[in-house]
Structure formats: structure tokens, C-alpha cells
């Protein structure tokens, strides 16, 4: 028994029977008798450690999921920046080379349109990849949400 539990005075049987203060809820475990304020204090004191432990576990789970989400966002940013820099350099170089090679001939316009089409395809591929990574956002904190929902359901079933 903890030191706090030893210091709390326990009501005698006569005090329990003489108490006529109605409580707002009944406890099915005590035969339907309403819980008095002192009973609520005892119940909360005995469950307090478990509640704090559960809250600590939820906090740890949220911290782990936040680290995963942060890593995903940083990976998305790095992929977008590297992809943009590389694609821009490559496209400008290839586009300039194609236009220089075809500038004096009859294929100037078809070459220009081919370069622009290539740029458009590259941009669409990059957008598709970014969309795929962004679509994974619905998985963010899924385990934390599931645990909280399970705890809420458990608490509701006990009340």
C-alpha cells in the first residue's frame, strides 16, 4: 500500500450507511449503489498511475510517428529540390543543344516543340511522384489515432 493510501482515513461502516448524499451515477460493480465523492477520489487515485502511464505511451507513440512524418517531409523536400535542379540543368542543356543544331534548318519548329513536350513530360512525372508522396499523408499518425479511438471506446464502455 502506498503512503498516501495509508494516510487517507477510511470511513466506517456506520458512516457509509448513514450517508444519504445522492451521487449522479451508479456503479454496477457495487450493486448499483451510487458512488460518493470520497469513492470517486479513491477510484481516481487508484487509476491515476495507469492513466499517466497510458498518456506517456500515447506521447511516445506520437513522438515516433512525428519523427516518421518529419522524415517523410524532408525526403519529399530533398527529392523535389534535387529533381528540380537536375531537371532544370538537363533540360536547359539539351534544349539549347537541340535548338543550336536545328536552328538553320527546316526542323527548327518541330525541334522546339519536341523540347517543350519533353519538358512537359518531365514536369508531369515530377508532379506525379510528388502527388504519390503527398497521398501518404492520410497514414500520418494512424497508430496514434487508432490507439486514442480504442482508449475512448474503452472508457465509454466502462462509464
C-alpha atoms as a PDB file:
ATOM      1  CA  UNK A   1       0.000   0.000   0.000  1.00  0.00           C
ATOM      2  CA  UNK A   2       1.326   3.480  -0.755  1.00  0.00           C
ATOM      3  CA  UNK A   3       1.987   6.080   1.919  1.00  0.00           C
ATOM      4  CA  UNK A   4      -0.828   8.274   0.558  1.00  0.00           C
ATOM      5  CA  UNK A   5      -3.321   5.402   0.821  1.00  0.00           C
ATOM      6  CA  UNK A   6      -2.279   4.745   4.426  1.00  0.00           C
ATOM      7  CA  UNK A   7      -2.858   8.387   5.417  1.00  0.00           C
ATOM      8  CA  UNK A   8      -6.340   8.626   3.919  1.00  0.00           C
ATOM      9  CA  UNK A   9      -8.985   7.893   6.581  1.00  0.00           C
ATOM     10  CA  UNK A  10     -11.304   5.048   5.713  1.00  0.00           C
ATOM     11  CA  UNK A  11     -14.965   5.658   6.595  1.00  0.00           C
ATOM     12  CA  UNK A  12     -16.522   3.220   8.999  1.00  0.00           C
ATOM     13  CA  UNK A  13     -19.499   1.047   8.074  1.00  0.00           C
ATOM     14  CA  UNK A  14     -21.767   3.313  10.112  1.00  0.00           C
ATOM     15  CA  UNK A  15     -20.587   6.360   8.195  1.00  0.00           C
ATOM     16  CA  UNK A  16     -21.127   4.598   4.885  1.00  0.00           C
ATOM     17  CA  UNK A  17     -24.666   3.560   5.833  1.00  0.00           C
ATOM     18  CA  UNK A  18     -25.606   6.934   7.333  1.00  0.00           C
ATOM     19  CA  UNK A  19     -24.536   8.872   4.258  1.00  0.00           C
ATOM     20  CA  UNK A  20     -27.607   9.841   2.275  1.00  0.00           C
ATOM     21  CA  UNK A  21     -25.971  12.197  -0.221  1.00  0.00           C
ATOM     22  CA  UNK A  22     -27.136  11.144  -3.686  1.00  0.00           C
ATOM     23  CA  UNK A  23     -24.484  10.729  -6.372  1.00  0.00           C
ATOM     24  CA  UNK A  24     -25.072  11.421 -10.002  1.00  0.00           C
ATOM     25  CA  UNK A  25     -24.170   7.964 -11.218  1.00  0.00           C
ATOM     26  CA  UNK A  26     -24.348   4.392 -10.077  1.00  0.00           C
ATOM     27  CA  UNK A  27     -21.599   1.814 -10.119  1.00  0.00           C
ATOM     28  CA  UNK A  28     -22.651  -1.579 -11.427  1.00  0.00           C
ATOM     29  CA  UNK A  29     -19.759  -3.239  -9.577  1.00  0.00           C
ATOM     30  CA  UNK A  30     -21.064  -2.123  -6.183  1.00  0.00           C
ATOM     31  CA  UNK A  31     -24.544  -3.479  -6.718  1.00  0.00           C
ATOM     32  CA  UNK A  32     -25.975  -0.298  -8.227  1.00  0.00           C
ATOM     33  CA  UNK A  33     -25.184   1.875  -5.200  1.00  0.00           C
ATOM     34  CA  UNK A  34     -24.218   5.412  -6.158  1.00  0.00           C
ATOM     35  CA  UNK A  35     -20.606   6.460  -5.742  1.00  0.00           C
ATOM     36  CA  UNK A  36     -19.930   9.122  -3.168  1.00  0.00           C
ATOM     37  CA  UNK A  37     -17.311  11.847  -3.671  1.00  0.00           C
ATOM     38  CA  UNK A  38     -14.809  10.008  -1.477  1.00  0.00           C
ATOM     39  CA  UNK A  39     -15.303   6.882  -3.596  1.00  0.00           C
ATOM     40  CA  UNK A  40     -14.569   8.940  -6.707  1.00  0.00           C
ATOM     41  CA  UNK A  41     -11.356  10.223  -5.127  1.00  0.00           C
ATOM     42  CA  UNK A  42     -10.261   6.661  -4.303  1.00  0.00           C
ATOM     43  CA  UNK A  43     -11.143   5.482  -7.797  1.00  0.00           C
ATOM     44  CA  UNK A  44      -9.228   8.300  -9.456  1.00  0.00           C
ATOM     45  CA  UNK A  45      -6.253   7.849  -7.134  1.00  0.00           C
ATOM     46  CA  UNK A  46      -6.033   4.134  -7.868  1.00  0.00           C
ATOM     47  CA  UNK A  47      -6.397   4.661 -11.636  1.00  0.00           C
ATOM     48  CA  UNK A  48      -4.226   7.782 -11.802  1.00  0.00           C
ATOM     49  CA  UNK A  49      -0.961   5.916 -12.315  1.00  0.00           C
ATOM     50  CA  UNK A  50      -2.423   3.848 -15.127  1.00  0.00           C
ATOM     51  CA  UNK A  51      -3.816   6.962 -16.790  1.00  0.00           C
ATOM     52  CA  UNK A  52      -0.450   8.711 -16.626  1.00  0.00           C
ATOM     53  CA  UNK A  53       1.308   5.617 -17.955  1.00  0.00           C
ATOM     54  CA  UNK A  54      -1.175   5.397 -20.830  1.00  0.00           C
ATOM     55  CA  UNK A  55      -0.739   9.102 -21.580  1.00  0.00           C
ATOM     56  CA  UNK A  56       3.036   8.631 -21.589  1.00  0.00           C
ATOM     57  CA  UNK A  57       2.684   5.737 -24.051  1.00  0.00           C
ATOM     58  CA  UNK A  58       0.485   7.870 -26.302  1.00  0.00           C
ATOM     59  CA  UNK A  59       3.040  10.658 -26.125  1.00  0.00           C
ATOM     60  CA  UNK A  60       5.854   8.287 -27.071  1.00  0.00           C
ATOM     61  CA  UNK A  61       3.832   6.886 -29.980  1.00  0.00           C
ATOM     62  CA  UNK A  62       3.046  10.394 -31.207  1.00  0.00           C
ATOM     63  CA  UNK A  63       6.737  11.318 -30.925  1.00  0.00           C
ATOM     64  CA  UNK A  64       7.769   8.297 -33.024  1.00  0.00           C
ATOM     65  CA  UNK A  65       5.116   8.990 -35.645  1.00  0.00           C
ATOM     66  CA  UNK A  66       6.089  12.660 -35.754  1.00  0.00           C
ATOM     67  CA  UNK A  67       9.693  11.630 -36.439  1.00  0.00           C
ATOM     68  CA  UNK A  68       8.491   9.409 -39.302  1.00  0.00           C
ATOM     69  CA  UNK A  69       6.320  12.184 -40.713  1.00  0.00           C
ATOM     70  CA  UNK A  70       9.130  14.705 -40.427  1.00  0.00           C
ATOM     71  CA  UNK A  71      11.481  12.314 -42.206  1.00  0.00           C
ATOM     72  CA  UNK A  72       8.938  11.829 -44.997  1.00  0.00           C
ATOM     73  CA  UNK A  73       8.541  15.580 -45.449  1.00  0.00           C
ATOM     74  CA  UNK A  74      12.299  16.126 -45.511  1.00  0.00           C
ATOM     75  CA  UNK A  75      12.659  13.360 -48.089  1.00  0.00           C
ATOM     76  CA  UNK A  76       9.945  14.977 -50.196  1.00  0.00           C
ATOM     77  CA  UNK A  77      11.700  18.338 -49.980  1.00  0.00           C
ATOM     78  CA  UNK A  78      15.097  16.879 -50.846  1.00  0.00           C
ATOM     79  CA  UNK A  79      13.646  14.913 -53.769  1.00  0.00           C
ATOM     80  CA  UNK A  80      11.840  17.987 -55.053  1.00  0.00           C
ATOM     81  CA  UNK A  81      14.900  20.231 -54.799  1.00  0.00           C
ATOM     82  CA  UNK A  82      17.342  17.745 -56.313  1.00  0.00           C
ATOM     83  CA  UNK A  83      14.895  16.788 -59.013  1.00  0.00           C
ATOM     84  CA  UNK A  84      14.244  20.415 -59.852  1.00  0.00           C
ATOM     85  CA  UNK A  85      17.922  21.352 -60.012  1.00  0.00           C
ATOM     86  CA  UNK A  86      18.897  18.323 -62.073  1.00  0.00           C
ATOM     87  CA  UNK A  87      15.939  18.525 -64.393  1.00  0.00           C
ATOM     88  CA  UNK A  88      16.386  22.227 -64.966  1.00  0.00           C
ATOM     89  CA  UNK A  89      20.054  21.858 -65.813  1.00  0.00           C
ATOM     90  CA  UNK A  90      19.491  18.880 -68.065  1.00  0.00           C
ATOM     91  CA  UNK A  91      16.543  20.382 -69.857  1.00  0.00           C
ATOM     92  CA  UNK A  92      18.231  23.709 -70.481  1.00  0.00           C
ATOM     93  CA  UNK A  93      21.367  21.993 -71.794  1.00  0.00           C
ATOM     94  CA  UNK A  94      19.539  19.547 -74.030  1.00  0.00           C
ATOM     95  CA  UNK A  95      17.126  22.199 -75.239  1.00  0.00           C
ATOM     96  CA  UNK A  96      19.938  24.585 -76.118  1.00  0.00           C
ATOM     97  CA  UNK A  97      21.866  21.831 -77.929  1.00  0.00           C
ATOM     98  CA  UNK A  98      18.832  20.762 -79.957  1.00  0.00           C
ATOM     99  CA  UNK A  99      17.924  24.302 -80.915  1.00  0.00           C
ATOM    100  CA  UNK A 100      21.522  25.109 -81.895  1.00  0.00           C
ATOM    101  CA  UNK A 101      21.701  22.004 -84.074  1.00  0.00           C
ATOM    102  CA  UNK A 102      18.406  22.687 -85.858  1.00  0.00           C
ATOM    103  CA  UNK A 103      18.341  26.492 -85.939  1.00  0.00           C
ATOM    104  CA  UNK A 104      19.435  26.948 -89.512  1.00  0.00           C
ATOM    105  CA  UNK A 105      17.333  24.109 -90.962  1.00  0.00           C
ATOM    106  CA  UNK A 106      13.711  23.336 -91.665  1.00  0.00           C
ATOM    107  CA  UNK A 107      13.313  21.441 -88.390  1.00  0.00           C
ATOM    108  CA  UNK A 108      13.524  24.484 -86.143  1.00  0.00           C
ATOM    109  CA  UNK A 109       9.852  24.444 -85.075  1.00  0.00           C
ATOM    110  CA  UNK A 110       9.453  20.679 -84.708  1.00  0.00           C
ATOM    111  CA  UNK A 111      12.645  20.621 -82.584  1.00  0.00           C
ATOM    112  CA  UNK A 112      11.358  23.440 -80.402  1.00  0.00           C
ATOM    113  CA  UNK A 113       8.013  21.626 -79.930  1.00  0.00           C
ATOM    114  CA  UNK A 114       9.829  18.366 -79.101  1.00  0.00           C
ATOM    115  CA  UNK A 115      11.912  20.134 -76.443  1.00  0.00           C
ATOM    116  CA  UNK A 116       8.793  21.703 -74.929  1.00  0.00           C
ATOM    117  CA  UNK A 117       6.971  18.344 -74.960  1.00  0.00           C
ATOM    118  CA  UNK A 118       9.917  16.743 -73.187  1.00  0.00           C
ATOM    119  CA  UNK A 119       9.834  19.500 -70.569  1.00  0.00           C
ATOM    120  CA  UNK A 120       6.113  18.945 -70.066  1.00  0.00           C
ATOM    121  CA  UNK A 121       6.511  15.175 -69.673  1.00  0.00           C
ATOM    122  CA  UNK A 122       9.284  15.683 -67.107  1.00  0.00           C
ATOM    123  CA  UNK A 123       7.159  18.146 -65.155  1.00  0.00           C
ATOM    124  CA  UNK A 124       4.209  15.726 -65.166  1.00  0.00           C
ATOM    125  CA  UNK A 125       6.387  12.866 -63.910  1.00  0.00           C
ATOM    126  CA  UNK A 126       7.720  15.034 -61.085  1.00  0.00           C
ATOM    127  CA  UNK A 127       4.199  16.152 -60.206  1.00  0.00           C
ATOM    128  CA  UNK A 128       3.007  12.540 -60.178  1.00  0.00           C
ATOM    129  CA  UNK A 129       5.783  11.497 -57.795  1.00  0.00           C
ATOM    130  CA  UNK A 130       5.072  14.430 -55.501  1.00  0.00           C
ATOM    131  CA  UNK A 131       1.369  13.534 -55.529  1.00  0.00           C
ATOM    132  CA  UNK A 132       2.186   9.939 -54.593  1.00  0.00           C
ATOM    133  CA  UNK A 133       4.222  11.081 -51.598  1.00  0.00           C
ATOM    134  CA  UNK A 134       1.605  13.624 -50.578  1.00  0.00           C
ATOM    135  CA  UNK A 135      -1.144  10.978 -50.776  1.00  0.00           C
ATOM    136  CA  UNK A 136       0.576   9.079 -47.991  1.00  0.00           C
ATOM    137  CA  UNK A 137      -0.383  11.874 -45.608  1.00  0.00           C
ATOM    138  CA  UNK A 138      -3.573  10.033 -44.637  1.00  0.00           C
ATOM    139  CA  UNK A 139      -1.326   7.451 -42.989  1.00  0.00           C
ATOM    140  CA  UNK A 140       0.168  10.116 -40.721  1.00  0.00           C
ATOM    141  CA  UNK A 141      -0.320   9.318 -37.063  1.00  0.00           C
ATOM    142  CA  UNK A 142      -2.599   6.397 -37.942  1.00  0.00           C
ATOM    143  CA  UNK A 143      -1.390   4.312 -34.996  1.00  0.00           C
ATOM    144  CA  UNK A 144      -1.867   7.200 -32.556  1.00  0.00           C
ATOM    145  CA  UNK A 145      -5.390   7.860 -33.850  1.00  0.00           C
ATOM    146  CA  UNK A 146      -6.251   4.161 -33.592  1.00  0.00           C
ATOM    147  CA  UNK A 147      -4.923   3.901 -30.025  1.00  0.00           C
ATOM    148  CA  UNK A 148      -6.780   7.022 -28.921  1.00  0.00           C
ATOM    149  CA  UNK A 149     -10.005   5.756 -30.506  1.00  0.00           C
ATOM    150  CA  UNK A 150      -9.589   2.396 -28.755  1.00  0.00           C
ATOM    151  CA  UNK A 151      -8.974   4.124 -25.415  1.00  0.00           C
ATOM    152  CA  UNK A 152     -12.011   6.366 -25.852  1.00  0.00           C
ATOM    153  CA  UNK A 153     -14.151   3.349 -26.715  1.00  0.00           C
ATOM    154  CA  UNK A 154     -12.850   1.514 -23.647  1.00  0.00           C
ATOM    155  CA  UNK A 155     -13.540   4.496 -21.388  1.00  0.00           C
ATOM    156  CA  UNK A 156     -17.054   4.879 -22.830  1.00  0.00           C
ATOM    157  CA  UNK A 157     -17.765   1.190 -22.249  1.00  0.00           C
ATOM    158  CA  UNK A 158     -16.701   1.482 -18.618  1.00  0.00           C
ATOM    159  CA  UNK A 159     -18.814   4.567 -17.867  1.00  0.00           C
END
